[in-house]
């Protein structure tokens, strides 16, 4: 059995080691264990914005930086949209109207030009008759004269194709319109005009031919295109 003096030393040594063990354990535990937060507590911090000492400050700073970045991006986007809207308004207010397109003369048809076509086509199929100017038969100049008379152009003289050619106002091919006269030369004498018709538009003309009577042909017809001479105008605009 140890002496009282040694017994006291043993008790003191055991107490010392016990205290050291307890203090060391608490310190290690304190380093590895963080206070827990229930969901309600975390929601309270998020909504109210209040930060308690035990909350992770680094996470809070990162969240704040992210919010600032989002706000800056939003402001930049709003500025871009505003500038785009102002630019669109400026363009609409200062937009120049498109230049007027030149209309095809043949597609612009006055009421009188429409009557020209109807007055001429009503005689389709009437046979050819030399010197004729009635429904019984027409020659080329007699047919033109009859159509012009029907349109009220009573001052138009009943002459032959050559005289009409000499008296009319010359018209370029790219400027012809419905009602202008189309002239053809004599196949045996190209210095002599011997046939006339009325231009109907769309590259066609109507005339009284010796083979078919009153008929419609294209200007680029295999036969008539070879002898086309020119155009003359008698009717006013």
Protein backbone atom coordinates (compact mmCIF):
# COMPACT_ATOMS: atom_id res chain seq x y z
CA UNK A 1 0.00 0.00 0.00
CA UNK A 2 1.48 3.38 -1.04
CA UNK A 3 2.25 6.00 1.46
CA UNK A 4 -0.12 8.96 1.88
CA UNK A 5 2.39 11.23 0.21
CA UNK A 6 2.70 9.00 -2.86
CA UNK A 7 -1.05 8.49 -2.92
CA UNK A 8 -1.67 12.22 -3.17
CA UNK A 9 0.85 12.49 -6.01
CA UNK A 10 -0.86 9.67 -7.93
CA UNK A 11 -4.30 11.27 -7.47
CA UNK A 12 -2.97 14.64 -8.58
CA UNK A 13 -1.30 13.12 -11.65
CA UNK A 14 -4.49 11.32 -12.68
CA UNK A 15 -6.56 14.48 -12.26
CA UNK A 16 -4.02 16.39 -14.35
CA UNK A 17 -4.15 13.86 -17.21
CA UNK A 18 -7.94 13.69 -17.03
CA UNK A 19 -8.27 17.47 -17.27
CA UNK A 20 -5.79 17.58 -20.16
CA UNK A 21 -7.73 14.88 -22.02
CA UNK A 22 -11.04 16.66 -21.54
CA UNK A 23 -9.68 20.03 -22.67
CA UNK A 24 -7.98 18.51 -25.73
CA UNK A 25 -11.16 16.72 -26.79
CA UNK A 26 -13.29 19.84 -26.57
CA UNK A 27 -10.78 21.81 -28.62
CA UNK A 28 -10.69 19.22 -31.40
CA UNK A 29 -14.44 18.92 -31.41
CA UNK A 30 -14.83 22.69 -31.63
CA UNK A 31 -12.63 22.79 -34.70
CA UNK A 32 -14.59 20.13 -36.60
CA UNK A 33 -18.18 20.85 -35.64
CA UNK A 34 -20.06 23.91 -36.88
CA UNK A 35 -23.32 25.07 -35.44
CA UNK A 36 -26.27 23.71 -37.40
CA UNK A 37 -29.09 25.86 -38.83
CA UNK A 38 -32.58 24.68 -39.37
CA UNK A 39 -34.39 25.67 -42.62
CA UNK A 40 -36.58 28.26 -40.95
CA UNK A 41 -33.51 30.01 -39.54
CA UNK A 42 -31.76 30.07 -42.91
CA UNK A 43 -34.95 31.36 -44.60
CA UNK A 44 -35.16 34.11 -41.99
CA UNK A 45 -31.60 35.22 -42.74
CA UNK A 46 -32.23 35.15 -46.52
CA UNK A 47 -35.46 37.18 -46.33
CA UNK A 48 -34.52 39.69 -43.66
CA UNK A 49 -30.93 40.11 -44.77
CA UNK A 50 -29.74 39.90 -41.15
CA UNK A 51 -26.42 38.11 -40.69
CA UNK A 52 -25.57 36.45 -37.41
CA UNK A 53 -21.96 36.00 -36.27
CA UNK A 54 -21.99 32.25 -36.86
CA UNK A 55 -23.19 32.58 -40.55
CA UNK A 56 -20.66 32.02 -43.35
CA UNK A 57 -19.56 35.56 -44.27
CA UNK A 58 -17.62 34.45 -47.34
CA UNK A 59 -20.77 32.91 -48.83
CA UNK A 60 -22.68 36.10 -48.12
CA UNK A 61 -20.05 38.19 -49.94
CA UNK A 62 -20.17 35.87 -52.94
CA UNK A 63 -23.98 36.09 -53.09
CA UNK A 64 -23.84 39.88 -52.86
CA UNK A 65 -21.24 40.03 -55.66
CA UNK A 66 -23.42 37.78 -57.83
CA UNK A 67 -26.48 39.99 -57.20
CA UNK A 68 -24.49 43.10 -58.14
CA UNK A 69 -23.33 41.42 -61.38
CA UNK A 70 -26.89 40.44 -62.28
CA UNK A 71 -28.09 43.98 -61.60
CA UNK A 72 -25.32 45.44 -63.78
CA UNK A 73 -26.15 43.04 -66.62
CA UNK A 74 -29.82 43.96 -66.32
CA UNK A 75 -29.01 47.68 -66.53
CA UNK A 76 -26.80 47.12 -69.59
CA UNK A 77 -29.56 45.09 -71.29
CA UNK A 78 -32.11 47.81 -70.52
CA UNK A 79 -29.81 50.44 -72.05
CA UNK A 80 -29.34 48.31 -75.19
CA UNK A 81 -33.12 47.89 -75.57
CA UNK A 82 -33.70 51.61 -75.06
CA UNK A 83 -31.09 52.53 -77.69
CA UNK A 84 -32.59 50.01 -80.14
CA UNK A 85 -36.08 51.42 -79.62
CA UNK A 86 -34.84 54.99 -80.13
CA UNK A 87 -32.99 53.94 -83.29
CA UNK A 88 -36.10 52.21 -84.65
CA UNK A 89 -38.24 55.30 -83.95
CA UNK A 90 -35.66 57.53 -85.65
CA UNK A 91 -35.55 55.30 -88.73
CA UNK A 92 -39.33 55.22 -88.99
CA UNK A 93 -39.59 59.02 -88.70
CA UNK A 94 -36.80 59.72 -91.17
CA UNK A 95 -37.29 56.89 -93.58
CA UNK A 96 -37.42 58.12 -97.13
CA UNK A 97 -40.27 56.80 -99.26
CA UNK A 98 -39.11 54.41 -101.98
CA UNK A 99 -38.60 56.04 -105.35
CA UNK A 100 -41.64 55.71 -107.56
CA UNK A 101 -41.28 52.90 -110.01
CA UNK A 102 -41.80 53.67 -113.62
CA UNK A 103 -44.97 52.00 -114.71
CA UNK A 104 -45.12 50.02 -117.86
CA UNK A 105 -46.90 52.17 -120.37
CA UNK A 106 -48.79 49.21 -121.74
CA UNK A 107 -50.21 48.30 -118.32
CA UNK A 108 -51.52 51.83 -117.68
CA UNK A 109 -54.72 51.79 -119.62
CA UNK A 110 -57.06 54.76 -119.75
CA UNK A 111 -60.79 54.18 -120.33
CA UNK A 112 -60.37 55.41 -123.89
CA UNK A 113 -57.58 52.94 -124.56
CA UNK A 114 -59.84 50.19 -123.29
CA UNK A 115 -62.49 51.35 -125.74
CA UNK A 116 -59.91 51.24 -128.55
CA UNK A 117 -59.39 47.53 -128.03
CA UNK A 118 -63.10 46.79 -127.80
CA UNK A 119 -63.88 48.89 -130.88
CA UNK A 120 -61.25 47.07 -132.91
CA UNK A 121 -61.96 43.53 -131.73
CA UNK A 122 -65.66 43.81 -132.53
CA UNK A 123 -64.69 43.40 -136.21
CA UNK A 124 -62.65 40.24 -135.78
CA UNK A 125 -63.35 37.81 -138.60
CA UNK A 126 -64.73 40.40 -141.05
CA UNK A 127 -63.30 39.40 -144.47
CA UNK A 128 -60.84 41.41 -146.53
CA UNK A 129 -62.29 43.61 -149.27
CA UNK A 130 -60.17 45.96 -151.34
CA UNK A 131 -61.41 49.54 -150.75
CA UNK A 132 -63.90 48.30 -148.12
CA UNK A 133 -64.68 50.18 -144.92
CA UNK A 134 -67.82 48.47 -143.61
CA UNK A 135 -68.78 45.21 -141.95
CA UNK A 136 -69.12 43.73 -145.39
CA UNK A 137 -65.35 43.85 -145.72
CA UNK A 138 -62.26 45.96 -145.01
CA UNK A 139 -58.93 46.65 -146.54
CA UNK A 140 -56.17 47.62 -144.10
CA UNK A 141 -56.63 51.41 -144.23
CA UNK A 142 -60.43 51.12 -144.37
CA UNK A 143 -60.41 49.06 -141.16
CA UNK A 144 -58.24 51.63 -139.33
CA UNK A 145 -60.45 54.46 -140.52
CA UNK A 146 -63.64 52.67 -139.36
CA UNK A 147 -62.28 52.00 -135.85
CA UNK A 148 -61.16 55.62 -135.46
CA UNK A 149 -64.58 56.81 -136.63
CA UNK A 150 -66.27 54.58 -134.06
CA UNK A 151 -64.12 56.19 -131.38
CA UNK A 152 -65.29 59.66 -132.42
CA UNK A 153 -62.09 60.65 -134.21
CA UNK A 154 -64.06 62.01 -137.18
CA UNK A 155 -61.25 64.24 -138.46
CA UNK A 156 -59.21 61.17 -139.35
CA UNK A 157 -59.14 61.07 -143.16
CA UNK A 158 -59.89 57.97 -145.22
CA UNK A 159 -56.60 57.60 -147.06
CA UNK A 160 -54.12 54.83 -147.81
CA UNK A 161 -51.37 53.38 -145.59
CA UNK A 162 -48.57 55.49 -147.10
CA UNK A 163 -50.45 58.77 -146.50
CA UNK A 164 -51.25 57.80 -142.93
CA UNK A 165 -47.60 57.01 -142.35
CA UNK A 166 -46.51 60.38 -143.73
CA UNK A 167 -49.04 62.39 -141.70
CA UNK A 168 -48.72 60.70 -138.30
CA UNK A 169 -46.43 61.59 -135.41
CA UNK A 170 -43.47 59.27 -135.21
CA UNK A 171 -43.31 57.08 -132.10
CA UNK A 172 -40.40 54.95 -130.88
CA UNK A 173 -41.11 51.27 -130.35
CA UNK A 174 -40.39 51.46 -126.61
CA UNK A 175 -42.95 54.27 -126.28
CA UNK A 176 -45.92 52.94 -128.22
CA UNK A 177 -49.34 52.63 -126.63
CA UNK A 178 -52.70 51.17 -127.52
CA UNK A 179 -54.30 52.90 -130.49
CA UNK A 180 -51.05 53.82 -132.24
CA UNK A 181 -50.77 52.69 -135.85
CA UNK A 182 -48.33 50.01 -137.00
CA UNK A 183 -46.90 50.20 -140.55
CA UNK A 184 -45.29 47.64 -142.83
CA UNK A 185 -43.31 47.98 -146.03
CA UNK A 186 -44.03 46.35 -149.38
CA UNK A 187 -42.11 43.05 -149.62
CA UNK A 188 -41.16 43.96 -153.21
CA UNK A 189 -40.34 47.60 -152.46
CA UNK A 190 -39.10 48.37 -148.95
CA UNK A 191 -39.25 52.09 -149.60
CA UNK A 192 -43.01 51.93 -149.91
CA UNK A 193 -45.54 51.54 -147.04
CA UNK A 194 -48.37 49.26 -148.15
CA UNK A 195 -49.96 47.94 -144.92
CA UNK A 196 -51.25 49.36 -141.61
CA UNK A 197 -52.75 48.02 -138.40
CA UNK A 198 -53.66 49.19 -134.87
CA UNK A 199 -51.47 48.38 -131.87
CA UNK A 200 -53.38 46.58 -129.08
CA UNK A 201 -50.65 46.31 -126.45
CA UNK A 202 -48.71 43.31 -125.18
CA UNK A 203 -46.75 43.18 -128.44
CA UNK A 204 -49.82 42.54 -130.64
CA UNK A 205 -51.67 44.43 -133.37
CA UNK A 206 -54.98 44.03 -135.17
CA UNK A 207 -55.36 44.53 -138.91
CA UNK A 208 -57.26 43.42 -142.00
CA UNK A 209 -55.05 41.04 -143.96
CA UNK A 210 -55.74 39.86 -147.49
CA UNK A 211 -55.61 36.21 -146.38
CA UNK A 212 -57.46 36.16 -143.05
CA UNK A 213 -59.51 39.36 -142.92
CA UNK A 214 -59.53 41.15 -139.53
CA UNK A 215 -57.14 39.26 -137.26
CA UNK A 216 -54.63 39.74 -134.44
CA UNK A 217 -50.93 39.01 -134.86
CA UNK A 218 -47.78 39.57 -132.75
CA UNK A 219 -45.32 42.21 -133.87
CA UNK A 220 -42.58 39.58 -133.98
CA UNK A 221 -44.63 37.35 -136.24
CA UNK A 222 -42.48 35.28 -138.60
CA UNK A 223 -43.93 37.06 -141.62
CA UNK A 224 -44.99 40.50 -140.36
CA UNK A 225 -41.91 40.97 -138.20
CA UNK A 226 -39.73 40.97 -141.34
CA UNK A 227 -41.58 43.93 -142.88
CA UNK A 228 -42.30 46.06 -139.82
CA UNK A 229 -41.39 49.67 -140.61
CA UNK A 230 -42.48 51.88 -137.73
CA UNK A 231 -45.21 53.45 -135.60
CA UNK A 232 -47.26 56.62 -135.86
CA UNK A 233 -49.64 58.36 -133.46
CA UNK A 234 -52.86 60.17 -134.29
CA UNK A 235 -54.89 59.93 -131.10
CA UNK A 236 -54.13 62.42 -128.32
CA UNK A 237 -52.99 61.26 -124.87
